Amino acid sequence: MFERTVGMISRAAGALAALLLVYLFLHIVYEIVLRSFFASSTFVLDEFVGYAVAAMTFLSLGYALDKGALIRVDLAVGHLRGRPRRLVELCCIAASFVMAGFCAWWVGRDALRHWTRGSVSESIAEVPLWLPVGAVWLGLMLFMLQLLAYFLRIAKGGNPVNQDVAE
């Protein structure tokens, strides 16, 4: 039940990341049309593209882990089988969880600081900075949730995500 719920949340975040990709495409095309035919601009393309790329990257992490799409370096782990493989996998997942948590802690602090101070970007759009930073924090939290589900699956004896691909 937990793994299924986390998978649904990861799919929703992945879908949001896909929508951001569509937004990027449309904004870039719109900017090209404005510059080419109307000698004008939105003046925020670079800023919004940066925010969208960061949000896309982090919001899609959980989905990528769930689907086995993250790059894994398993030179040593790939040669292990059975219980030793599971123990090493669990250690790797735990280390990833700790590192993601460390990053989430600092990004979350930054988002909260922007929220409390009312910080906005220095562009014409004056975007509240907690929005893009908060999207990165949300992506990290969802990634940690997916790592927890993955840890529990491996601990129960389930297969590693990329085992079918590696063999």
Protein backbone atom coordinates (compact mmCIF):
# COMPACT_ATOMS: atom_id res chain seq x y z
CA MET A 1 0.00 0.00 0.00
CA PHE A 2 2.76 2.46 0.99
CA GLU A 3 4.84 1.63 -2.09
CA ARG A 4 1.81 2.02 -4.36
CA THR A 5 0.93 5.41 -2.82
CA VAL A 6 4.49 6.64 -3.13
CA GLY A 7 4.54 5.44 -6.74
CA MET A 8 1.38 7.42 -7.49
CA ILE A 9 2.87 10.53 -5.89
CA SER A 10 6.09 10.05 -7.89
CA ARG A 11 4.07 9.67 -11.12
CA ALA A 12 2.19 12.88 -10.34
CA ALA A 13 5.46 14.74 -9.74
CA GLY A 14 6.86 13.23 -12.95
CA ALA A 15 3.78 14.41 -14.82
CA LEU A 16 4.27 17.89 -13.39
CA ALA A 17 7.89 17.78 -14.57
CA ALA A 18 6.66 16.79 -18.05
CA LEU A 19 4.24 19.72 -18.03
CA LEU A 20 7.11 22.01 -17.13
CA LEU A 21 8.98 20.68 -20.16
CA VAL A 22 6.00 21.55 -22.36
CA TYR A 23 5.90 24.99 -20.74
CA LEU A 24 9.62 25.45 -21.53
CA PHE A 25 9.05 24.57 -25.16
CA LEU A 26 6.08 26.92 -25.50
CA HIS A 27 7.82 29.80 -23.74
CA ILE A 28 10.90 29.45 -25.94
CA VAL A 29 8.80 29.34 -29.10
CA TYR A 30 6.81 32.36 -27.90
CA GLU A 31 10.04 34.23 -27.21
CA ILE A 32 11.37 33.37 -30.69
CA VAL A 33 8.18 34.67 -32.29
CA LEU A 34 8.26 37.86 -30.21
CA ARG A 35 11.89 38.57 -31.04
CA SER A 36 11.70 37.59 -34.72
CA PHE A 37 8.45 39.24 -35.74
CA PHE A 38 7.67 41.91 -33.17
CA ALA A 39 11.11 43.10 -31.95
CA SER A 40 9.93 42.45 -28.40
CA SER A 41 10.56 40.03 -25.54
CA THR A 42 9.07 38.69 -22.35
CA PHE A 43 12.34 39.68 -20.61
CA VAL A 44 12.04 36.69 -18.26
CA LEU A 45 12.89 33.72 -20.48
CA ASP A 46 16.30 32.99 -18.93
CA GLU A 47 14.96 33.28 -15.40
CA PHE A 48 11.86 31.15 -15.95
CA VAL A 49 13.76 28.51 -17.92
CA GLY A 50 16.24 28.22 -15.06
CA TYR A 51 13.48 27.82 -12.51
CA ALA A 52 11.64 25.27 -14.65
CA VAL A 53 14.77 23.19 -15.33
CA ALA A 54 15.58 23.05 -11.61
CA ALA A 55 12.00 22.11 -10.72
CA MET A 56 11.82 19.52 -13.52
CA THR A 57 15.07 17.91 -12.46
CA PHE A 58 14.17 17.51 -8.82
CA LEU A 59 10.47 16.73 -9.22
CA SER A 60 11.30 13.86 -11.58
CA LEU A 61 13.88 12.21 -9.28
CA GLY A 62 11.40 9.97 -7.45
CA TYR A 63 9.75 8.86 -10.68
CA ALA A 64 13.15 8.14 -12.24
CA LEU A 65 14.15 6.03 -9.23
CA ASP A 66 10.85 4.16 -9.33
CA LYS A 67 11.29 3.33 -13.02
CA GLY A 68 14.99 2.42 -12.72
CA ALA A 69 16.01 5.35 -14.90
CA LEU A 70 18.66 6.83 -12.61
CA ILE A 71 22.24 6.15 -13.58
CA ARG A 72 23.75 3.59 -11.25
CA VAL A 73 27.40 2.71 -10.87
CA ASP A 74 27.20 -0.86 -9.64
CA LEU A 75 30.56 -2.32 -10.61
CA ALA A 76 30.89 -4.07 -7.26
CA VAL A 77 27.21 -4.50 -6.38
CA GLY A 78 26.42 -6.02 -9.76
CA HIS A 79 28.63 -9.01 -8.98
CA LEU A 80 26.93 -9.78 -5.68
CA ARG A 81 23.91 -12.04 -5.27
CA GLY A 82 21.49 -12.87 -2.48
CA ARG A 83 21.90 -11.52 1.02
CA PRO A 84 25.25 -9.72 0.46
CA ARG A 85 23.73 -7.83 -2.48
CA ARG A 86 20.70 -6.88 -0.42
CA LEU A 87 22.86 -5.60 2.46
CA VAL A 88 25.03 -3.51 0.14
CA GLU A 89 21.91 -2.19 -1.63
CA LEU A 90 20.39 -1.22 1.72
CA CYS A 91 23.59 0.61 2.70
CA CYS A 92 23.64 2.46 -0.64
CA ILE A 93 19.97 3.41 -0.30
CA ALA A 94 20.51 4.58 3.27
CA ALA A 95 23.51 6.69 2.21
CA SER A 96 21.46 8.20 -0.62
CA PHE A 97 18.65 8.94 1.82
CA VAL A 98 21.05 10.69 4.21
CA MET A 99 22.59 12.78 1.41
CA ALA A 100 19.17 13.71 0.01
CA GLY A 101 18.07 14.61 3.54
CA PHE A 102 21.14 16.78 4.03
CA CYS A 103 20.39 18.61 0.77
CA ALA A 104 16.68 18.88 1.61
CA TRP A 105 17.52 20.37 5.01
CA TRP A 106 19.59 23.19 3.51
CA VAL A 107 17.29 23.82 0.57
CA GLY A 108 14.30 23.83 2.93
CA ARG A 109 16.03 26.35 5.19
CA ASP A 110 16.69 28.52 2.16
CA ALA A 111 13.07 28.30 1.00
CA LEU A 112 11.82 29.16 4.49
CA ARG A 113 14.21 32.12 4.69
CA HIS A 114 12.93 33.43 1.34
CA TRP A 115 9.35 32.96 2.54
CA THR A 116 9.82 34.80 5.84
CA ARG A 117 11.81 37.66 4.27
CA GLY A 118 9.53 37.99 1.26
CA SER A 119 12.51 37.76 -1.10
CA VAL A 120 11.80 38.21 -4.79
CA SER A 121 13.95 37.90 -7.89
CA GLU A 122 15.66 40.99 -9.22
CA SER A 123 13.99 40.68 -12.62
CA ILE A 124 10.99 42.49 -13.99
CA ALA A 125 8.81 39.55 -12.88
CA GLU A 126 9.79 39.79 -9.19
CA VAL A 127 9.14 36.09 -8.64
CA PRO A 128 8.93 35.13 -4.95
CA LEU A 129 12.14 33.13 -4.53
CA TRP A 130 10.54 30.58 -2.23
CA LEU A 131 8.63 29.19 -5.24
CA PRO A 132 11.56 27.81 -7.28
CA VAL A 133 13.51 26.85 -4.16
CA GLY A 134 10.39 25.25 -2.71
CA ALA A 135 9.93 23.19 -5.89
CA VAL A 136 13.48 21.85 -5.51
CA TRP A 137 12.81 21.08 -1.83
CA LEU A 138 9.56 19.29 -2.72
CA GLY A 139 11.39 17.22 -5.33
CA LEU A 140 14.02 16.23 -2.76
CA MET A 141 11.35 15.27 -0.23
CA LEU A 142 9.53 13.14 -2.80
CA PHE A 143 12.83 11.53 -3.77
CA MET A 144 13.43 10.67 -0.12
CA LEU A 145 9.95 9.17 0.11
CA GLN A 146 10.68 7.02 -2.94
CA LEU A 147 14.04 6.00 -1.43
CA LEU A 148 12.21 4.93 1.74
CA ALA A 149 9.77 2.83 -0.29
CA TYR A 150 12.69 1.31 -2.21
CA PHE A 151 14.54 0.57 1.05
CA LEU A 152 11.50 -1.19 2.50
CA ARG A 153 11.05 -3.25 -0.69
CA ILE A 154 14.68 -4.40 -0.66
CA ALA A 155 14.54 -5.09 3.10
CA LYS A 156 11.50 -7.35 2.50
CA GLY A 157 13.46 -9.29 -0.12
CA GLY A 158 12.30 -7.49 -3.27
CA ASN A 159 14.44 -7.01 -6.36
CA PRO A 160 16.65 -3.96 -6.92
CA VAL A 161 15.30 -1.48 -9.46
CA ASN A 162 17.89 -2.09 -12.18
CA GLN A 163 18.43 -5.81 -11.66
CA ASP A 164 16.52 -6.77 -14.82
CA VAL A 165 18.51 -4.27 -16.89
CA ALA A 166 21.88 -5.37 -15.50
CA GLU A 167 21.38 -9.08 -16.04
